[in-house]
C-alpha atoms as a PDB file:
ATOM      1  CA  MET A   1     -29.527   8.757 -78.247  1.00  0.00           C
ATOM      2  CA  PRO A   2     -26.715   6.090 -77.074  1.00  0.00           C
ATOM      3  CA  VAL A   3     -26.908   2.825 -78.677  1.00  0.00           C
ATOM      4  CA  LEU A   4     -28.299   0.323 -76.254  1.00  0.00           C
ATOM      5  CA  ARG A   5     -25.494  -2.588 -75.804  1.00  0.00           C
ATOM      6  CA  ARG A   6     -26.608  -4.814 -73.131  1.00  0.00           C
ATOM      7  CA  LEU A   7     -30.039  -5.530 -71.837  1.00  0.00           C
ATOM      8  CA  SER A   8     -30.961  -8.521 -69.518  1.00  0.00           C
ATOM      9  CA  PRO A   9     -33.611 -10.802 -70.915  1.00  0.00           C
ATOM     10  CA  PHE A  10     -36.342  -9.199 -68.302  1.00  0.00           C
ATOM     11  CA  LEU A  11     -35.280  -5.643 -69.062  1.00  0.00           C
ATOM     12  CA  LEU A  12     -35.768  -6.135 -72.712  1.00  0.00           C
ATOM     13  CA  ILE A  13     -39.145  -7.867 -72.353  1.00  0.00           C
ATOM     14  CA  ALA A  14     -40.112  -4.974 -70.352  1.00  0.00           C
ATOM     15  CA  VAL A  15     -39.020  -2.485 -72.635  1.00  0.00           C
ATOM     16  CA  MET A  16     -40.504  -4.024 -75.799  1.00  0.00           C
ATOM     17  CA  ALA A  17     -43.733  -4.327 -73.920  1.00  0.00           C
ATOM     18  CA  LEU A  18     -44.022  -0.443 -73.733  1.00  0.00           C
ATOM     19  CA  LEU A  19     -43.342  -0.090 -77.534  1.00  0.00           C
ATOM     20  CA  PRO A  20     -46.137   0.181 -80.055  1.00  0.00           C
ATOM     21  CA  SER A  21     -46.616  -3.444 -81.660  1.00  0.00           C
ATOM     22  CA  THR A  22     -45.742  -1.873 -85.169  1.00  0.00           C
ATOM     23  CA  ALA A  23     -42.684  -0.197 -83.966  1.00  0.00           C
ATOM     24  CA  SER A  24     -39.928  -2.650 -84.762  1.00  0.00           C
ATOM     25  CA  ALA A  25     -41.368  -2.634 -88.447  1.00  0.00           C
ATOM     26  CA  LEU A  26     -40.660   1.416 -88.828  1.00  0.00           C
ATOM     27  CA  PRO A  27     -37.906   2.052 -91.489  1.00  0.00           C
ATOM     28  CA  LEU A  28     -35.107   3.906 -90.325  1.00  0.00           C
ATOM     29  CA  GLY A  29     -32.635   4.367 -93.683  1.00  0.00           C
ATOM     30  CA  PRO A  30     -33.609   6.820 -96.473  1.00  0.00           C
ATOM     31  CA  THR A  31     -36.761   5.837 -98.548  1.00  0.00           C
ATOM     32  CA  ALA A  32     -37.542   6.803-102.060  1.00  0.00           C
ATOM     33  CA  PRO A  33     -40.801   8.964-102.847  1.00  0.00           C
ATOM     34  CA  THR A  34     -44.048   7.006-102.858  1.00  0.00           C
ATOM     35  CA  ASP A  35     -47.700   8.059-103.543  1.00  0.00           C
ATOM     36  CA  SER A  36     -48.304   8.275-100.159  1.00  0.00           C
ATOM     37  CA  LEU A  37     -46.093  11.031 -99.515  1.00  0.00           C
ATOM     38  CA  THR A  38     -48.849  13.545-100.461  1.00  0.00           C
ATOM     39  CA  THR A  39     -51.205  12.410 -98.324  1.00  0.00           C
ATOM     40  CA  GLU A  40     -50.057  13.484 -94.754  1.00  0.00           C
ATOM     41  CA  PRO A  41     -52.438  13.593 -92.061  1.00  0.00           C
ATOM     42  CA  GLU A  42     -53.682  17.034 -91.297  1.00  0.00           C
ATOM     43  CA  ASP A  43     -54.378  16.398 -87.645  1.00  0.00           C
ATOM     44  CA  ASP A  44     -51.261  17.515 -85.914  1.00  0.00           C
ATOM     45  CA  ALA A  45     -52.821  18.117 -82.430  1.00  0.00           C
ATOM     46  CA  ASP A  46     -51.644  14.866 -80.961  1.00  0.00           C
ATOM     47  CA  ALA A  47     -47.828  15.384 -80.987  1.00  0.00           C
ATOM     48  CA  GLU A  48     -47.609  19.204 -79.885  1.00  0.00           C
ATOM     49  CA  PRO A  49     -44.100  19.496 -77.973  1.00  0.00           C
ATOM     50  CA  ASP A  50     -43.940  21.137 -74.708  1.00  0.00           C
ATOM     51  CA  ALA A  51     -42.335  24.416 -75.160  1.00  0.00           C
ATOM     52  CA  GLU A  52     -39.562  23.548 -72.272  1.00  0.00           C
ATOM     53  CA  GLU A  53     -38.608  20.623 -74.469  1.00  0.00           C
ATOM     54  CA  GLY A  54     -37.073  22.536 -77.332  1.00  0.00           C
ATOM     55  CA  ILE A  55     -38.016  22.961 -80.710  1.00  0.00           C
ATOM     56  CA  PHE A  56     -39.738  20.601 -82.965  1.00  0.00           C
ATOM     57  CA  PHE A  57     -37.918  18.812 -85.613  1.00  0.00           C
ATOM     58  CA  PRO A  58     -38.519  20.628 -88.909  1.00  0.00           C
ATOM     59  CA  VAL A  59     -38.652  17.598 -91.183  1.00  0.00           C
ATOM     60  CA  ARG A  60     -40.408  14.215 -91.271  1.00  0.00           C
ATOM     61  CA  LEU A  61     -38.337  11.131 -90.313  1.00  0.00           C
ATOM     62  CA  PRO A  62     -36.425   9.189 -91.573  1.00  0.00           C
ATOM     63  CA  LEU A  63     -33.746  11.372 -93.274  1.00  0.00           C
ATOM     64  CA  ASP A  64     -31.277  10.792 -96.065  1.00  0.00           C
ATOM     65  CA  ALA A  65     -28.624  12.831 -94.194  1.00  0.00           C
ATOM     66  CA  MET A  66     -27.968  15.711 -91.687  1.00  0.00           C
ATOM     67  CA  ASP A  67     -24.583  17.005 -91.030  1.00  0.00           C
ATOM     68  CA  ASN A  68     -23.080  19.903 -88.862  1.00  0.00           C
ATOM     69  CA  THR A  69     -21.515  21.883 -91.890  1.00  0.00           C
ATOM     70  CA  TRP A  70     -22.109  25.228 -89.920  1.00  0.00           C
ATOM     71  CA  GLY A  71     -19.373  27.765 -91.342  1.00  0.00           C
ATOM     72  CA  ALA A  72     -18.462  25.589 -94.273  1.00  0.00           C
ATOM     73  CA  PRO A  73     -17.514  27.667 -97.211  1.00  0.00           C
ATOM     74  CA  ARG A  74     -20.035  28.441-100.009  1.00  0.00           C
ATOM     75  CA  SER A  75     -19.963  30.221-103.075  1.00  0.00           C
ATOM     76  CA  GLY A  76     -19.450  33.910-103.428  1.00  0.00           C
ATOM     77  CA  GLY A  77     -17.241  33.747-100.272  1.00  0.00           C
ATOM     78  CA  ARG A  78     -20.248  32.905 -98.045  1.00  0.00           C
ATOM     79  CA  SER A  79     -20.232  30.548 -95.301  1.00  0.00           C
ATOM     80  CA  HIS A  80     -22.800  28.064 -94.217  1.00  0.00           C
ATOM     81  CA  GLN A  81     -25.117  29.420 -91.455  1.00  0.00           C
ATOM     82  CA  GLY A  82     -27.651  26.686 -91.346  1.00  0.00           C
ATOM     83  CA  THR A  83     -28.213  22.954 -91.179  1.00  0.00           C
ATOM     84  CA  ASP A  84     -29.052  21.262 -94.281  1.00  0.00           C
ATOM     85  CA  ILE A  85     -31.635  18.455 -93.522  1.00  0.00           C
ATOM     86  CA  LEU A  86     -31.666  16.006 -96.708  1.00  0.00           C
ATOM     87  CA  ALA A  87     -35.119  13.864 -97.107  1.00  0.00           C
ATOM     88  CA  PRO A  88     -36.933  12.880 -99.974  1.00  0.00           C
ATOM     89  CA  GLN A  89     -38.703  15.184-102.234  1.00  0.00           C
ATOM     90  CA  MET A  90     -42.318  16.081-100.666  1.00  0.00           C
ATOM     91  CA  ALA A  91     -41.374  14.942 -97.177  1.00  0.00           C
ATOM     92  CA  PRO A  92     -43.395  17.390 -94.921  1.00  0.00           C
ATOM     93  CA  ALA A  93     -41.744  20.087 -93.305  1.00  0.00           C
ATOM     94  CA  TYR A  94     -43.192  21.284 -90.066  1.00  0.00           C
ATOM     95  CA  ALA A  95     -43.079  24.395 -87.812  1.00  0.00           C
ATOM     96  CA  THR A  96     -40.437  24.099 -84.983  1.00  0.00           C
ATOM     97  CA  VAL A  97     -42.192  26.655 -82.469  1.00  0.00           C
ATOM     98  CA  ASP A  98     -45.305  28.540 -82.314  1.00  0.00           C
ATOM     99  CA  GLY A  99     -45.216  32.021 -84.300  1.00  0.00           C
ATOM    100  CA  GLU A 100     -46.375  33.965 -87.286  1.00  0.00           C
ATOM    101  CA  ILE A 101     -45.226  33.737 -90.946  1.00  0.00           C
ATOM    102  CA  ILE A 102     -43.256  36.823 -91.781  1.00  0.00           C
ATOM    103  CA  ARG A 103     -42.573  35.916 -95.545  1.00  0.00           C
ATOM    104  CA  ALA A 104     -43.390  33.165 -98.041  1.00  0.00           C
ATOM    105  CA  ARG A 105     -41.186  33.382-101.220  1.00  0.00           C
ATOM    106  CA  GLY A 106     -43.297  31.892-104.131  1.00  0.00           C
ATOM    107  CA  GLU A 107     -46.601  32.618-102.649  1.00  0.00           C
ATOM    108  CA  ASP A 108     -47.462  34.989-105.991  1.00  0.00           C
ATOM    109  CA  CYS A 109     -46.809  31.877-108.293  1.00  0.00           C
ATOM    110  CA  VAL A 110     -49.542  31.228-110.617  1.00  0.00           C
ATOM    111  CA  ASP A 111     -50.966  27.555-111.479  1.00  0.00           C
ATOM    112  CA  GLY A 112     -49.021  26.476-114.729  1.00  0.00           C
ATOM    113  CA  GLN A 113     -46.312  28.920-114.202  1.00  0.00           C
ATOM    114  CA  VAL A 114     -42.873  27.844-113.876  1.00  0.00           C
ATOM    115  CA  CYS A 115     -41.607  29.178-110.652  1.00  0.00           C
ATOM    116  CA  ARG A 116     -38.208  28.034-109.335  1.00  0.00           C
ATOM    117  CA  ASP A 117     -37.959  29.657-105.568  1.00  0.00           C
ATOM    118  CA  TYR A 118     -40.064  28.674-102.366  1.00  0.00           C
ATOM    119  CA  TYR A 119     -39.037  29.378 -98.810  1.00  0.00           C
ATOM    120  CA  LEU A 120     -40.926  30.279 -95.446  1.00  0.00           C
ATOM    121  CA  ALA A 121     -39.886  32.639 -92.871  1.00  0.00           C
ATOM    122  CA  ILE A 122     -41.320  32.476 -89.235  1.00  0.00           C
ATOM    123  CA  ALA A 123     -41.096  35.035 -86.285  1.00  0.00           C
ATOM    124  CA  GLY A 124     -41.220  32.527 -83.499  1.00  0.00           C
ATOM    125  CA  ASP A 125     -43.178  33.288 -80.391  1.00  0.00           C
ATOM    126  CA  ASP A 126     -39.863  32.456 -78.570  1.00  0.00           C
ATOM    127  CA  GLY A 127     -38.398  35.892 -80.055  1.00  0.00           C
ATOM    128  CA  ARG A 128     -36.049  34.077 -82.542  1.00  0.00           C
ATOM    129  CA  GLY A 129     -36.670  33.585 -86.440  1.00  0.00           C
ATOM    130  CA  TYR A 130     -36.982  30.583 -88.200  1.00  0.00           C
ATOM    131  CA  LEU A 131     -36.062  29.825 -91.947  1.00  0.00           C
ATOM    132  CA  TYR A 132     -37.035  27.016 -94.483  1.00  0.00           C
ATOM    133  CA  ILE A 133     -35.123  27.263 -97.580  1.00  0.00           C
ATOM    134  CA  HIS A 134     -35.739  25.186-100.669  1.00  0.00           C
ATOM    135  CA  LEU A 135     -39.137  23.842-100.403  1.00  0.00           C
ATOM    136  CA  ASN A 136     -40.190  21.750-103.283  1.00  0.00           C
ATOM    137  CA  ASP A 137     -40.747  23.638-106.785  1.00  0.00           C
ATOM    138  CA  ASP A 138     -41.254  20.408-108.934  1.00  0.00           C
ATOM    139  CA  THR A 139     -44.014  18.069-109.678  1.00  0.00           C
ATOM    140  CA  PRO A 140     -44.048  15.470-107.400  1.00  0.00           C
ATOM    141  CA  HIS A 141     -41.771  12.487-108.264  1.00  0.00           C
ATOM    142  CA  ARG A 142     -40.605  14.515-110.927  1.00  0.00           C
ATOM    143  CA  PRO A 143     -41.816  12.659-114.221  1.00  0.00           C
ATOM    144  CA  ASN A 144     -40.282  15.511-116.228  1.00  0.00           C
ATOM    145  CA  GLY A 145     -37.473  16.409-114.111  1.00  0.00           C
ATOM    146  CA  CYS A 146     -36.885  19.578-112.502  1.00  0.00           C
ATOM    147  CA  ASP A 147     -39.661  21.225-114.073  1.00  0.00           C
ATOM    148  CA  GLY A 148     -40.377  24.157-111.547  1.00  0.00           C
ATOM    149  CA  LEU A 149     -44.105  23.423-112.168  1.00  0.00           C
ATOM    150  CA  GLY A 150     -45.063  21.964-108.622  1.00  0.00           C
ATOM    151  CA  GLY A 151     -46.955  25.079-107.675  1.00  0.00           C
ATOM    152  CA  VAL A 152     -47.922  26.503-104.467  1.00  0.00           C
ATOM    153  CA  GLU A 153     -49.939  23.367-103.487  1.00  0.00           C
ATOM    154  CA  HIS A 154     -46.587  21.297-103.765  1.00  0.00           C
ATOM    155  CA  ALA A 155     -44.596  23.811-101.977  1.00  0.00           C
ATOM    156  CA  PHE A 156     -46.897  24.899 -99.107  1.00  0.00           C
ATOM    157  CA  ALA A 157     -48.954  22.522 -96.538  1.00  0.00           C
ATOM    158  CA  PRO A 158     -52.692  22.523 -97.789  1.00  0.00           C
ATOM    159  CA  ARG A 159     -53.885  24.586 -94.861  1.00  0.00           C
ATOM    160  CA  LEU A 160     -51.580  27.207 -95.970  1.00  0.00           C
ATOM    161  CA  VAL A 161     -52.518  26.909 -99.481  1.00  0.00           C
ATOM    162  CA  GLU A 162     -56.112  27.464 -98.316  1.00  0.00           C
ATOM    163  CA  GLU A 163     -55.210  30.631 -96.230  1.00  0.00           C
ATOM    164  CA  LEU A 164     -53.162  31.939 -99.210  1.00  0.00           C
ATOM    165  CA  ARG A 165     -56.309  31.681-101.498  1.00  0.00           C
ATOM    166  CA  GLN A 166     -58.346  33.324 -98.892  1.00  0.00           C
ATOM    167  CA  ARG A 167     -56.013  36.172 -97.820  1.00  0.00           C
ATOM    168  CA  GLY A 168     -53.951  36.711-100.813  1.00  0.00           C
ATOM    169  CA  THR A 169     -50.898  36.454 -98.733  1.00  0.00           C
ATOM    170  CA  LEU A 170     -49.328  33.955 -96.058  1.00  0.00           C
ATOM    171  CA  GLU A 171     -47.807  37.214 -93.997  1.00  0.00           C
ATOM    172  CA  GLY A 172     -49.332  37.104 -90.542  1.00  0.00           C
ATOM    173  CA  VAL A 173     -50.615  33.578 -90.623  1.00  0.00           C
ATOM    174  CA  ARG A 174     -50.109  31.707 -87.240  1.00  0.00           C
ATOM    175  CA  VAL A 175     -48.670  28.300 -87.070  1.00  0.00           C
ATOM    176  CA  GLU A 176     -48.156  25.900 -84.149  1.00  0.00           C
ATOM    177  CA  ALA A 177     -45.117  23.911 -83.249  1.00  0.00           C
ATOM    178  CA  GLY A 178     -45.550  20.596 -85.167  1.00  0.00           C
ATOM    179  CA  GLU A 179     -47.900  21.787 -87.484  1.00  0.00           C
ATOM    180  CA  HIS A 180     -47.177  20.754 -91.297  1.00  0.00           C
ATOM    181  CA  ILE A 181     -46.043  23.859 -93.099  1.00  0.00           C
ATOM    182  CA  GLY A 182     -44.502  22.776 -96.136  1.00  0.00           C
ATOM    183  CA  TYR A 183     -42.718  20.061 -98.704  1.00  0.00           C
ATOM    184  CA  THR A 184     -39.066  19.362 -98.854  1.00  0.00           C
ATOM    185  CA  GLY A 185     -37.742  20.188-102.287  1.00  0.00           C
ATOM    186  CA  SER A 186     -34.524  21.460-104.089  1.00  0.00           C
ATOM    187  CA  SER A 187     -35.842  25.100-105.308  1.00  0.00           C
ATOM    188  CA  GLY A 188     -33.835  28.368-105.259  1.00  0.00           C
ATOM    189  CA  ASN A 189     -29.984  27.810-105.559  1.00  0.00           C
ATOM    190  CA  ALA A 190     -30.114  24.172-104.638  1.00  0.00           C
ATOM    191  CA  ASP A 191     -28.863  21.519-107.113  1.00  0.00           C
ATOM    192  CA  CYS A 192     -31.525  19.930-109.246  1.00  0.00           C
ATOM    193  CA  GLY A 193     -32.988  16.940-107.126  1.00  0.00           C
ATOM    194  CA  VAL A 194     -31.063  17.358-104.209  1.00  0.00           C
ATOM    195  CA  ASP A 195     -33.721  17.604-101.998  1.00  0.00           C
ATOM    196  CA  HIS A 196     -33.238  19.135 -98.478  1.00  0.00           C
ATOM    197  CA  ILE A 197     -34.346  21.927 -96.159  1.00  0.00           C
ATOM    198  CA  HIS A 198     -31.667  24.561 -95.423  1.00  0.00           C
ATOM    199  CA  PHE A 199     -32.930  25.341 -91.960  1.00  0.00           C
ATOM    200  CA  GLU A 200     -31.622  28.514 -90.018  1.00  0.00           C
ATOM    201  CA  ILE A 201     -32.432  30.069 -86.614  1.00  0.00           C
ATOM    202  CA  TRP A 202     -32.075  33.629 -86.170  1.00  0.00           C
ATOM    203  CA  GLU A 203     -31.760  35.532 -82.941  1.00  0.00           C
ATOM    204  CA  GLY A 204     -34.350  37.995 -83.875  1.00  0.00           C
ATOM    205  CA  TYR A 205     -36.871  38.618 -86.809  1.00  0.00           C
ATOM    206  CA  ASP A 206     -34.210  40.700 -88.865  1.00  0.00           C
ATOM    207  CA  TRP A 207     -32.960  38.152 -91.299  1.00  0.00           C
ATOM    208  CA  GLY A 208     -30.082  37.206 -89.426  1.00  0.00           C
ATOM    209  CA  ALA A 209     -28.681  40.541 -89.172  1.00  0.00           C
ATOM    210  CA  SER A 210     -28.664  40.574 -85.252  1.00  0.00           C
ATOM    211  CA  GLY A 211     -26.827  37.161 -85.555  1.00  0.00           C
ATOM    212  CA  ARG A 212     -27.557  33.383 -86.468  1.00  0.00           C
ATOM    213  CA  VAL A 213     -27.490  30.195 -84.149  1.00  0.00           C
ATOM    214  CA  ASN A 214     -26.191  26.958 -85.084  1.00  0.00           C
ATOM    215  CA  PRO A 215     -29.230  24.821 -85.395  1.00  0.00           C
ATOM    216  CA  TYR A 216     -27.355  21.380 -85.247  1.00  0.00           C
ATOM    217  CA  ASP A 217     -27.435  20.701 -81.550  1.00  0.00           C
ATOM    218  CA  GLU A 218     -31.203  21.714 -80.833  1.00  0.00           C
ATOM    219  CA  LEU A 219     -32.250  19.484 -83.993  1.00  0.00           C
ATOM    220  CA  VAL A 220     -30.426  16.534 -82.366  1.00  0.00           C
ATOM    221  CA  ALA A 221     -31.756  17.337 -79.187  1.00  0.00           C
ATOM    222  CA  ALA A 222     -35.299  17.395 -80.920  1.00  0.00           C
ATOM    223  CA  ILE A 223     -34.717  13.894 -82.347  1.00  0.00           C
ATOM    224  CA  ASP A 224     -33.493  12.677 -78.726  1.00  0.00           C
ATOM    225  CA  ALA A 225     -36.718  14.332 -77.041  1.00  0.00           C
ATOM    226  CA  GLY A 226     -38.901  12.782 -79.621  1.00  0.00           C
ATOM    227  CA  ASN A 227     -40.369  15.944 -80.939  1.00  0.00           C
ATOM    228  CA  THR A 228     -40.612  14.378 -84.474  1.00  0.00           C
ATOM    229  CA  ARG A 229     -42.878  13.002 -86.802  1.00  0.00           C
ATOM    230  CA  HIS A 230     -42.145   9.585 -88.851  1.00  0.00           C
ATOM    231  CA  GLU A 231     -43.072   8.752 -92.409  1.00  0.00           C
ATOM    232  CA  VAL A 232     -45.571   5.992 -91.340  1.00  0.00           C
ATOM    233  CA  ASP A 233     -46.258   7.131 -87.963  1.00  0.00           C
ATOM    234  CA  ASP A 234     -50.114   8.207 -88.745  1.00  0.00           C
ATOM    235  CA  LEU A 235     -50.712   9.299 -85.056  1.00  0.00           C
ATOM    236  CA  GLY A 236     -47.730  11.252 -84.615  1.00  0.00           C
ATOM    237  CA  ALA A 237     -46.189   9.440 -81.687  1.00  0.00           C
ATOM    238  CA  PRO A 238     -42.497  10.200 -81.425  1.00  0.00           C
ATOM    239  CA  ALA A 239     -40.222   8.125 -84.011  1.00  0.00           C
ATOM    240  CA  ILE A 240     -37.890   7.791 -80.913  1.00  0.00           C
ATOM    241  CA  ARG A 241     -39.875   4.686 -80.238  1.00  0.00           C
ATOM    242  CA  ALA A 242     -39.024   3.177 -83.734  1.00  0.00           C
ATOM    243  CA  LEU A 243     -35.324   4.066 -83.149  1.00  0.00           C
ATOM    244  CA  LEU A 244     -35.068   2.285 -79.689  1.00  0.00           C
ATOM    245  CA  ALA A 245     -37.011  -0.530 -81.054  1.00  0.00           C
ATOM    246  CA  SER A 246     -34.459  -1.013 -83.920  1.00  0.00           C
ATOM    247  CA  GLN A 247     -31.486  -0.759 -81.407  1.00  0.00           C
ATOM    248  CA  LEU A 248     -33.075  -3.465 -79.438  1.00  0.00           C
ATOM    249  CA  ALA A 249     -33.479  -5.791 -82.471  1.00  0.00           C
ATOM    250  CA  ILE A 250     -29.679  -5.246 -83.134  1.00  0.00           C
ATOM    251  CA  THR A 251     -28.822  -6.012 -79.613  1.00  0.00           C
ATOM    252  CA  LEU A 252     -30.727  -9.538 -80.064  1.00  0.00           C
ATOM    253  CA  ASN A 253     -28.784 -10.526 -83.132  1.00  0.00           C
END
């Protein structure tokens, strides 16, 4: 979204009147994990995006960082084929489209057992695949460091944990765009405590064999369209309102 540089006093008043009264107080910068991070509202129906508006942003705002590192070199001669979305530990992750889970790494983790690798792969109804790597594997707030003892309840969303307990697997579970599906962390080959979601888009459901799409522009478009959730936005209203309010406040100073 372009920064608003000049507004007449009358237009400014009119725009501010359209914003929620609490929007100007919403934080924009990185935030440290708090006790409230594990109490995400489970009713996500209010903010389901229109399919024509693109994907839903996969991590709750505000972020720590998100850069376009597509093609950047990685260990073993690999290149980066996704977007790393850095956010605090336990920041909720969301389904970007309607679809079906095709694999949930770590779903067989036993309570009290050290498990170091969690991810979700979703076959979207749009014909593409979506991968969320580095879901949380540690105890929230890491009182004992990166212990790998977070368990499935701190890697996957509560509804998915319940589905897992009832069905024994998450394969075949349906999810909706904007639905809470997991928590940000540093599992797998991520550096300890460098919490982020490595997010991929595949052209098909074949683990990228048919090709991967650089997600960055679609992620930016999701933020611009307001297909997001914000840390303190309990009603699921687009965080873009908070961004606009902040820009107006800057213009006034």
